[in-house]
Amino acid sequence: MISRTDIVVGANAERARSHNRQVVLRRIRGAGQIGRAEIARASGLSIQAVSNIIADLLRDGFILEQGRRVAGRGQPPVQYALHAQGGFALGVEIRPDAVFAAILDLCGATIASERAALSATDRGTVTRSVVALCDRALASSGIPKTRVLGAGVVMPGPFGSTGIRGNGSELLTWDDVAPDAWFAEALDLPTVVENDANAAAMAERITGVAQGLDSYAFLYFGAGLGLGSVQNGRLMAGAFGNAGEIGHIPVPGSGGTVPLESVVSRLSIQRALQAAGIETRSGEDLVRLYDNKNEALLIWLQDAIEPLSAAVTIIENLFDPQSVILGGAMPDPILDHLLGSVRLSERSVASREHRSHPRLLRGASGRMTATLGAAALVLNKAFTPRIAAQS
């Protein structure tokens, strides 16, 4: 089956020049290196239009000539590839107790990362901390701000005044101003704001296991449990930016129904271990407990199977993803255990023959997952055309 983003084409109208640049950049990125004629055939643009865009991208430093490829008679075509140092993306993650920043190059490689403790969560303190940390990351990497395409800022959801509380959702309130406009002014950069699950989902598309996938779901283990859903290469944000709060879906639990993240999340592991008199401060602590077959941890893993399996089935039937990816702030051995234990339902649209991708995948993990995802939001915007595919 051909996905819709595989047939995104260019539009020759002058008003669509920005879109056409994205089409060409996406083709170059996907191919690794490619010639003008191949881009034209794949995009529906004329050779002249592609040549003009290639000239602009070369001048702006986004791409490089990679020599010529011998292909039959005639002059071998010039090949073009992304110039990794041609542009950079800044990512910021705001947590209740710390701020993280990272810089990615145009190919998604991490150039710099910084962390700073957060003394308070009022908007002024958070803003000053974010600006200082970003300045430090740029200074340490030697990257001029003029080469930064934009900034992605992520923080726990949901955004705005909702019926959901806890796990950092009260970190900042933005009822009086749009957070993207606020941080765009503070950082003096084009800025996109997302929740941490959406950012982690987009990081997988740029540098992780979702490369080559256009529609997938990312179950993100943060403090709670979030969901980033990507459809046709674009995040599903919802009317108010709060799509994917799957951790608050009620599931059967001891004594009645409980929120999913109360039994499947990093905080739920910590609570289960605390009840057994065990304190954990890091992912390494959890790995040691897992390696030693700690009884309390194994009980938590067993209790998490049914609600997590139900969540995967819900996601598959709601969004019809190519794959469901598990990742985030959970150690790889525990993610692998969960992946191997999930019971994939036959009563799912994902249960079909001739699949080209596994139903479940393990994505990136570690404390910087959402931070890198914040920067990946900027890169994805540069590579993803916004005009719908044409039949």
Protein backbone atom coordinates (compact mmCIF):
# COMPACT_ATOMS: atom_id res chain seq x y z
CA MET A 1 0.00 0.00 0.00
CA ILE A 2 1.28 3.49 -0.87
CA SER A 3 0.89 6.02 1.94
CA ARG A 4 -0.44 9.45 1.12
CA THR A 5 2.78 11.17 2.11
CA ASP A 6 4.63 9.08 -0.46
CA ILE A 7 2.67 10.85 -3.19
CA VAL A 8 2.90 14.42 -1.92
CA VAL A 9 3.58 16.51 -4.98
CA GLY A 10 4.71 20.03 -5.64
CA ALA A 11 2.62 22.95 -6.81
CA ASN A 12 4.10 25.20 -9.45
CA ALA A 13 2.28 28.33 -8.27
CA GLU A 14 4.63 31.00 -6.90
CA ARG A 15 2.56 31.23 -3.73
CA ALA A 16 3.55 27.64 -2.95
CA ARG A 17 7.31 28.18 -3.14
CA SER A 18 7.82 27.42 0.56
CA HIS A 19 5.86 24.21 0.12
CA ASN A 20 7.92 23.24 -2.90
CA ARG A 21 11.15 23.75 -0.95
CA GLN A 22 9.82 21.34 1.65
CA VAL A 23 8.93 18.83 -1.06
CA VAL A 24 12.45 18.97 -2.48
CA LEU A 25 14.14 18.84 0.93
CA ARG A 26 12.01 15.86 1.89
CA ARG A 27 13.00 14.00 -1.28
CA ILE A 28 16.69 14.72 -0.71
CA ARG A 29 16.50 13.65 2.92
CA GLY A 30 14.61 10.45 2.10
CA ALA A 31 16.96 9.45 -0.72
CA GLY A 32 20.24 10.29 1.00
CA GLN A 33 21.44 11.68 -2.31
CA ILE A 34 19.46 12.30 -5.45
CA GLY A 35 19.53 14.16 -8.76
CA ARG A 36 17.25 16.90 -10.09
CA ALA A 37 15.48 14.71 -12.65
CA GLU A 38 14.61 12.13 -10.00
CA ILE A 39 13.23 14.84 -7.72
CA ALA A 40 11.13 16.23 -10.57
CA ARG A 41 9.68 12.82 -11.43
CA ALA A 42 8.86 12.02 -7.80
CA SER A 43 7.35 15.42 -6.94
CA GLY A 44 5.51 16.45 -10.10
CA LEU A 45 7.53 19.67 -10.30
CA SER A 46 9.14 20.78 -13.52
CA ILE A 47 12.90 20.35 -13.98
CA GLN A 48 13.21 24.14 -14.08
CA ALA A 49 11.31 24.54 -10.80
CA VAL A 50 13.50 21.92 -9.14
CA SER A 51 16.64 23.58 -10.53
CA ASN A 52 15.58 26.94 -9.10
CA ILE A 53 14.87 25.44 -5.68
CA ILE A 54 18.17 23.50 -5.72
CA ALA A 55 19.99 26.76 -6.46
CA ASP A 56 18.25 28.43 -3.50
CA LEU A 57 19.01 25.54 -1.16
CA LEU A 58 22.67 25.51 -2.21
CA ARG A 59 22.92 29.26 -1.67
CA ASP A 60 21.29 28.96 1.77
CA GLY A 61 23.64 26.12 2.72
CA PHE A 62 20.98 23.46 3.30
CA ILE A 63 22.33 21.01 0.71
CA LEU A 64 25.64 20.02 -0.89
CA GLU A 65 26.69 18.66 -4.25
CA GLN A 66 27.82 15.05 -3.89
CA GLY A 67 29.49 14.55 -7.25
CA ARG A 68 27.99 12.87 -10.29
CA ARG A 69 26.42 9.45 -10.70
CA VAL A 70 27.21 7.49 -13.82
CA ALA A 71 23.93 6.45 -15.44
CA GLY A 72 24.16 5.39 -19.07
CA ARG A 73 24.88 7.83 -21.84
CA GLY A 74 25.24 11.55 -21.57
CA GLN A 75 26.45 13.82 -18.83
CA PRO A 76 26.17 12.05 -15.44
CA PRO A 77 23.62 13.83 -13.21
CA VAL A 78 24.80 15.85 -10.20
CA GLN A 79 23.73 14.34 -6.89
CA TYR A 80 22.58 16.40 -3.93
CA ALA A 81 22.48 15.60 -0.20
CA LEU A 82 21.59 17.43 3.00
CA HIS A 83 24.33 19.57 4.51
CA ALA A 84 24.23 18.54 8.17
CA GLN A 85 25.73 21.86 9.30
CA GLY A 86 23.43 23.87 7.04
CA GLY A 87 20.86 24.45 9.77
CA PHE A 88 20.15 23.63 13.39
CA ALA A 89 17.13 23.09 15.62
CA LEU A 90 16.87 24.03 19.28
CA GLY A 91 14.88 21.83 21.66
CA VAL A 92 13.75 22.74 25.17
CA GLU A 93 12.00 20.57 27.74
CA ILE A 94 10.43 22.12 30.84
CA ARG A 95 9.87 19.84 33.83
CA PRO A 96 8.63 20.74 37.32
CA ASP A 97 12.20 20.57 38.69
CA ALA A 98 14.53 21.17 35.72
CA VAL A 99 14.95 22.57 32.23
CA PHE A 100 16.77 20.70 29.45
CA ALA A 101 18.04 22.03 26.11
CA ALA A 102 19.51 20.31 23.06
CA ILE A 103 20.68 21.31 19.59
CA LEU A 104 20.31 19.02 16.57
CA ASP A 105 21.87 19.51 13.16
CA LEU A 106 19.89 19.23 9.93
CA CYS A 107 20.41 15.44 9.84
CA GLY A 108 19.22 14.97 13.42
CA ALA A 109 22.59 14.47 15.14
CA THR A 110 22.90 15.90 18.65
CA ILE A 111 25.38 18.79 18.71
CA ALA A 112 24.96 20.00 22.29
CA SER A 113 22.85 19.38 25.38
CA GLU A 114 22.49 21.27 28.64
CA ARG A 115 20.53 20.96 31.90
CA ALA A 116 19.68 23.38 34.69
CA ALA A 117 17.73 22.97 37.91
CA LEU A 118 14.48 24.91 38.14
CA SER A 119 14.10 26.78 41.42
CA ALA A 120 10.44 27.70 40.90
CA THR A 121 7.71 27.21 38.32
CA ASP A 122 6.35 30.72 37.99
CA ARG A 123 6.40 31.95 34.43
CA GLY A 124 9.14 34.52 34.96
CA THR A 125 11.56 32.03 36.54
CA VAL A 126 10.85 29.42 33.86
CA THR A 127 11.34 31.92 31.04
CA ARG A 128 14.63 33.24 32.42
CA SER A 129 15.91 29.69 32.92
CA VAL A 130 14.96 28.67 29.38
CA VAL A 131 16.60 31.69 27.77
CA ALA A 132 19.81 31.33 29.83
CA LEU A 133 20.07 27.61 29.09
CA CYS A 134 19.55 28.09 25.34
CA ASP A 135 22.16 30.85 25.27
CA ARG A 136 24.57 28.52 27.05
CA ALA A 137 23.93 25.68 24.60
CA LEU A 138 24.52 27.94 21.60
CA ALA A 139 27.67 29.41 23.14
CA SER A 140 29.15 26.01 24.04
CA SER A 141 28.51 24.65 20.55
CA GLY A 142 29.71 27.77 18.72
CA ILE A 143 26.55 27.84 16.59
CA PRO A 144 25.41 31.31 15.51
CA LYS A 145 21.76 31.99 16.22
CA THR A 146 21.26 32.98 12.58
CA ARG A 147 21.70 29.30 11.61
CA VAL A 148 18.98 28.11 13.99
CA LEU A 149 15.76 27.28 12.12
CA GLY A 150 13.59 27.54 15.20
CA ALA A 151 12.90 26.24 18.67
CA GLY A 152 10.65 23.49 19.96
CA VAL A 153 9.45 23.78 23.56
CA VAL A 154 7.82 20.84 25.33
CA MET A 155 6.26 20.50 28.76
CA PRO A 156 3.77 18.21 30.47
CA GLY A 157 0.20 18.38 29.28
CA PRO A 158 -2.63 18.95 29.25
CA PHE A 159 -2.57 22.62 28.27
CA GLY A 160 -5.09 25.13 29.57
CA SER A 161 -7.79 24.69 32.16
CA THR A 162 -9.15 21.14 31.97
CA GLY A 163 -10.61 18.51 34.26
CA ILE A 164 -7.25 16.70 34.38
CA ARG A 165 -4.80 17.43 37.18
CA GLY A 166 -1.53 15.92 38.40
CA ASN A 167 1.86 14.78 37.08
CA GLY A 168 2.96 18.30 36.24
CA SER A 169 -0.20 19.46 34.46
CA GLU A 170 -0.29 22.55 36.71
CA LEU A 171 3.32 23.46 35.79
CA LEU A 172 2.35 26.55 33.82
CA THR A 173 -0.98 28.15 33.01
CA TRP A 174 -1.34 29.89 29.66
CA ASP A 175 -4.92 31.13 29.71
CA ASP A 176 -3.87 34.73 29.03
CA VAL A 177 -1.23 34.24 26.31
CA ALA A 178 -0.32 31.63 23.72
CA PRO A 179 2.83 29.82 24.96
CA ASP A 180 4.33 29.58 21.46
CA ALA A 181 4.05 33.36 21.02
CA TRP A 182 5.49 33.90 24.52
CA PHE A 183 8.57 31.76 23.94
CA ALA A 184 9.01 33.01 20.36
CA GLU A 185 9.42 36.52 21.76
CA ALA A 186 11.62 35.40 24.66
CA LEU A 187 13.94 33.33 22.45
CA ASP A 188 13.68 35.54 19.36
CA LEU A 189 13.09 32.44 17.24
CA PRO A 190 10.14 30.83 15.48
CA THR A 191 8.77 28.51 18.16
CA VAL A 192 6.45 25.52 18.33
CA VAL A 193 5.09 24.27 21.67
CA GLU A 194 4.00 20.68 22.26
CA ASN A 195 3.53 18.19 25.05
CA ASP A 196 6.34 15.75 25.79
CA ALA A 197 4.65 12.70 24.23
CA ASN A 198 4.13 14.46 20.89
CA ALA A 199 7.72 15.66 20.88
CA ALA A 200 9.07 12.17 21.59
CA ALA A 201 6.90 10.80 18.79
CA MET A 202 8.38 13.25 16.32
CA ALA A 203 11.93 12.46 17.47
CA GLU A 204 11.33 8.87 16.37
CA ARG A 205 10.44 10.12 12.88
CA ILE A 206 13.66 12.11 12.54
CA THR A 207 16.25 9.78 14.09
CA GLY A 208 14.50 6.71 15.50
CA VAL A 209 12.57 3.58 14.58
CA ALA A 210 9.78 5.59 12.91
CA GLN A 211 12.02 6.68 10.03
CA GLY A 212 10.10 5.60 6.96
CA LEU A 213 6.78 5.41 8.83
CA ASP A 214 4.08 7.96 8.07
CA SER A 215 1.33 6.89 10.50
CA TYR A 216 2.28 5.54 13.90
CA ALA A 217 1.58 5.95 17.61
CA PHE A 218 4.13 6.55 20.36
CA LEU A 219 3.30 5.53 23.93
CA TYR A 220 5.50 7.81 26.00
CA PHE A 221 6.57 6.91 29.52
CA GLY A 222 7.16 10.23 31.22
CA ALA A 223 6.08 10.88 34.77
CA GLY A 224 2.72 9.58 33.59
CA LEU A 225 1.75 7.95 30.28
CA GLY A 226 1.16 9.99 27.13
CA LEU A 227 0.40 9.27 23.50
CA GLY A 228 1.79 10.95 20.41
CA SER A 229 -0.15 10.06 17.28
CA VAL A 230 1.34 10.82 13.85
CA GLN A 231 -0.92 10.59 10.80
CA ASN A 232 0.46 11.16 7.31
CA GLY A 233 3.62 12.65 8.80
CA ARG A 234 1.80 15.17 10.98
CA LEU A 235 0.99 15.20 14.67
CA MET A 236 -2.63 14.96 15.73
CA ALA A 237 -2.84 17.83 18.19
CA GLY A 238 -6.57 18.13 18.85
CA ALA A 239 -8.66 21.28 19.16
CA PHE A 240 -6.66 22.66 22.11
CA GLY A 241 -3.38 20.76 21.76
CA ASN A 242 -4.40 18.05 24.20
CA ALA A 243 -4.91 14.99 22.01
CA GLY A 244 -3.24 11.87 23.33
CA GLU A 245 -3.87 12.11 27.09
CA ILE A 246 -4.29 8.35 27.15
CA GLY A 247 -2.91 8.06 30.67
CA HIS A 248 -6.19 9.41 32.01
CA ILE A 249 -8.40 6.80 30.34
CA PRO A 250 -10.06 4.71 33.08
CA VAL A 251 -9.13 1.02 33.24
CA PRO A 252 -10.12 -1.72 35.71
CA GLY A 253 -7.97 -1.67 38.83
CA SER A 254 -8.03 -2.70 42.44
CA GLY A 255 -11.17 -1.31 44.00
CA GLY A 256 -12.75 -0.17 40.74
CA THR A 257 -11.60 1.86 37.75
CA VAL A 258 -8.36 3.83 37.88
CA PRO A 259 -6.49 6.05 35.38
CA LEU A 260 -4.26 4.00 33.08
CA GLU A 261 -1.11 5.85 34.13
CA SER A 262 -1.74 4.98 37.79
CA VAL A 263 -0.83 1.38 36.90
CA VAL A 264 1.37 1.87 33.80
CA SER A 265 3.91 4.70 34.21
CA ARG A 266 7.20 5.61 35.83
CA LEU A 267 5.41 7.10 38.85
CA SER A 268 3.34 3.96 39.31
CA ILE A 269 6.55 1.87 39.43
CA GLN A 270 8.01 4.20 42.03
CA ARG A 271 4.86 4.00 44.15
CA ALA A 272 4.80 0.21 43.95
CA LEU A 273 8.43 0.00 45.02
CA GLN A 274 7.96 2.56 47.80
CA ALA A 275 5.13 0.44 49.17
CA ALA A 276 7.68 -2.39 49.39
CA GLY A 277 10.16 -0.12 51.17
CA ILE A 278 12.38 0.44 48.11
CA GLU A 279 13.48 3.90 46.95
CA THR A 280 14.65 4.47 43.36
CA ARG A 281 16.35 7.61 42.10
CA SER A 282 17.27 6.71 38.54
CA GLY A 283 16.75 4.36 35.65
CA GLU A 284 19.93 2.57 36.67
CA ASP A 285 18.27 1.71 40.00
CA LEU A 286 15.37 0.12 38.13
CA VAL A 287 17.73 -1.86 35.89
CA ARG A 288 19.56 -3.25 38.92
CA LEU A 289 16.27 -4.29 40.50
CA TYR A 290 15.17 -5.92 37.26
CA ASP A 291 18.47 -7.78 36.85
CA ASN A 292 18.12 -9.04 40.44
CA LYS A 293 14.52 -10.16 39.76
CA ASN A 294 13.14 -7.94 42.50
CA GLU A 295 9.75 -9.32 43.53
CA ALA A 296 7.97 -5.96 43.86
CA LEU A 297 9.12 -4.89 40.41
CA LEU A 298 8.12 -8.22 38.85
CA ILE A 299 4.66 -7.91 40.42
CA TRP A 300 4.30 -4.42 38.95
CA LEU A 301 5.31 -5.72 35.52
CA GLN A 302 2.77 -8.53 35.76
CA ASP A 303 0.00 -6.15 36.86
CA ALA A 304 0.81 -3.77 33.97
CA ILE A 305 0.30 -6.37 31.21
CA GLU A 306 -3.50 -6.31 30.98
CA PRO A 307 -4.04 -2.53 31.08
CA LEU A 308 -1.13 -1.93 28.66
CA SER A 309 -2.45 -4.59 26.28
CA ALA A 310 -5.87 -2.94 26.37
CA ALA A 311 -4.30 0.45 25.66
CA VAL A 312 -2.46 -0.91 22.61
CA THR A 313 -5.69 -2.40 21.25
CA ILE A 314 -7.51 0.91 21.76
CA ILE A 315 -4.76 2.79 19.95
CA GLU A 316 -4.71 0.35 17.03
CA ASN A 317 -8.46 0.47 16.52
CA LEU A 318 -8.73 4.24 16.92
CA PHE A 319 -5.77 5.32 14.79
CA ASP A 320 -4.86 2.35 12.55
CA PRO A 321 -1.11 2.99 12.93
CA GLN A 322 1.60 1.19 11.00
CA SER A 323 3.16 0.44 14.40
CA VAL A 324 2.77 1.32 18.08
CA ILE A 325 6.07 2.43 19.61
CA LEU A 326 6.93 2.30 23.32
CA GLY A 327 9.60 4.62 24.66
CA GLY A 328 10.47 7.51 26.95
CA ALA A 329 11.82 7.75 30.47
CA MET A 330 11.83 4.02 31.14
CA PRO A 331 14.94 1.78 30.99
CA ASP A 332 15.31 -0.40 27.91
CA PRO A 333 15.18 -3.75 29.79
CA ILE A 334 11.80 -2.83 31.28
CA LEU A 335 10.49 -1.57 27.93
CA ASP A 336 11.66 -4.83 26.34
CA HIS A 337 9.91 -6.83 29.06
CA LEU A 338 6.67 -4.94 28.47
CA LEU A 339 6.97 -5.34 24.70
CA GLY A 340 7.43 -9.08 25.10
CA SER A 341 4.49 -9.35 27.49
CA VAL A 342 1.82 -7.29 25.72
CA ARG A 343 -1.02 -9.45 24.46
CA LEU A 344 -1.81 -8.32 20.95
CA SER A 345 -5.51 -8.72 20.28
CA GLU A 346 -6.83 -10.48 17.22
CA ARG A 347 -9.85 -8.16 17.44
CA SER A 348 -7.83 -5.28 16.05
CA VAL A 349 -7.52 -3.66 12.66
CA ALA A 350 -3.78 -4.23 13.06
CA SER A 351 -4.27 -8.00 13.09
CA ARG A 352 -3.84 -8.75 9.40
CA GLU A 353 -1.60 -10.72 7.08
CA HIS A 354 1.26 -9.33 5.04
CA ARG A 355 2.26 -6.62 7.50
CA SER A 356 5.38 -4.69 6.51
CA HIS A 357 6.11 -3.46 10.07
CA PRO A 358 5.80 -5.09 13.51
CA ARG A 359 2.74 -4.07 15.52
CA LEU A 360 5.00 -3.10 18.44
CA LEU A 361 8.41 -1.44 18.40
CA ARG A 362 10.76 -0.10 21.07
CA GLY A 363 11.65 3.50 20.54
CA ALA A 364 14.25 5.78 22.05
CA SER A 365 14.52 6.01 25.80
CA GLY A 366 16.37 8.08 28.37
CA ARG A 367 15.97 11.38 30.10
CA MET A 368 16.61 13.46 26.95
CA THR A 369 13.98 11.77 24.77
CA ALA A 370 11.43 14.59 24.91
CA THR A 371 14.15 17.28 24.72
CA LEU A 372 15.51 15.83 21.49
CA GLY A 373 11.93 15.49 20.32
CA ALA A 374 11.40 19.19 20.86
CA ALA A 375 14.19 19.96 18.39
CA ALA A 376 12.87 17.26 16.05
CA LEU A 377 9.58 19.18 15.83
CA VAL A 378 11.47 21.97 14.10
CA LEU A 379 13.24 19.62 11.68
CA ASN A 380 10.02 17.81 10.83
CA LYS A 381 8.38 21.13 10.00
CA ALA A 382 11.22 21.89 7.60
CA PHE A 383 10.83 18.55 5.83
CA THR A 384 7.05 18.05 5.83
CA PRO A 385 5.00 19.70 3.04
CA ARG A 386 1.81 21.34 4.28
CA ILE A 387 -0.28 21.28 1.13
CA ALA A 388 -2.40 18.15 0.80
CA ALA A 389 -1.52 15.47 -1.68
CA GLN A 390 -3.26 15.80 -5.01
CA SER A 391 -4.92 12.94 -6.81
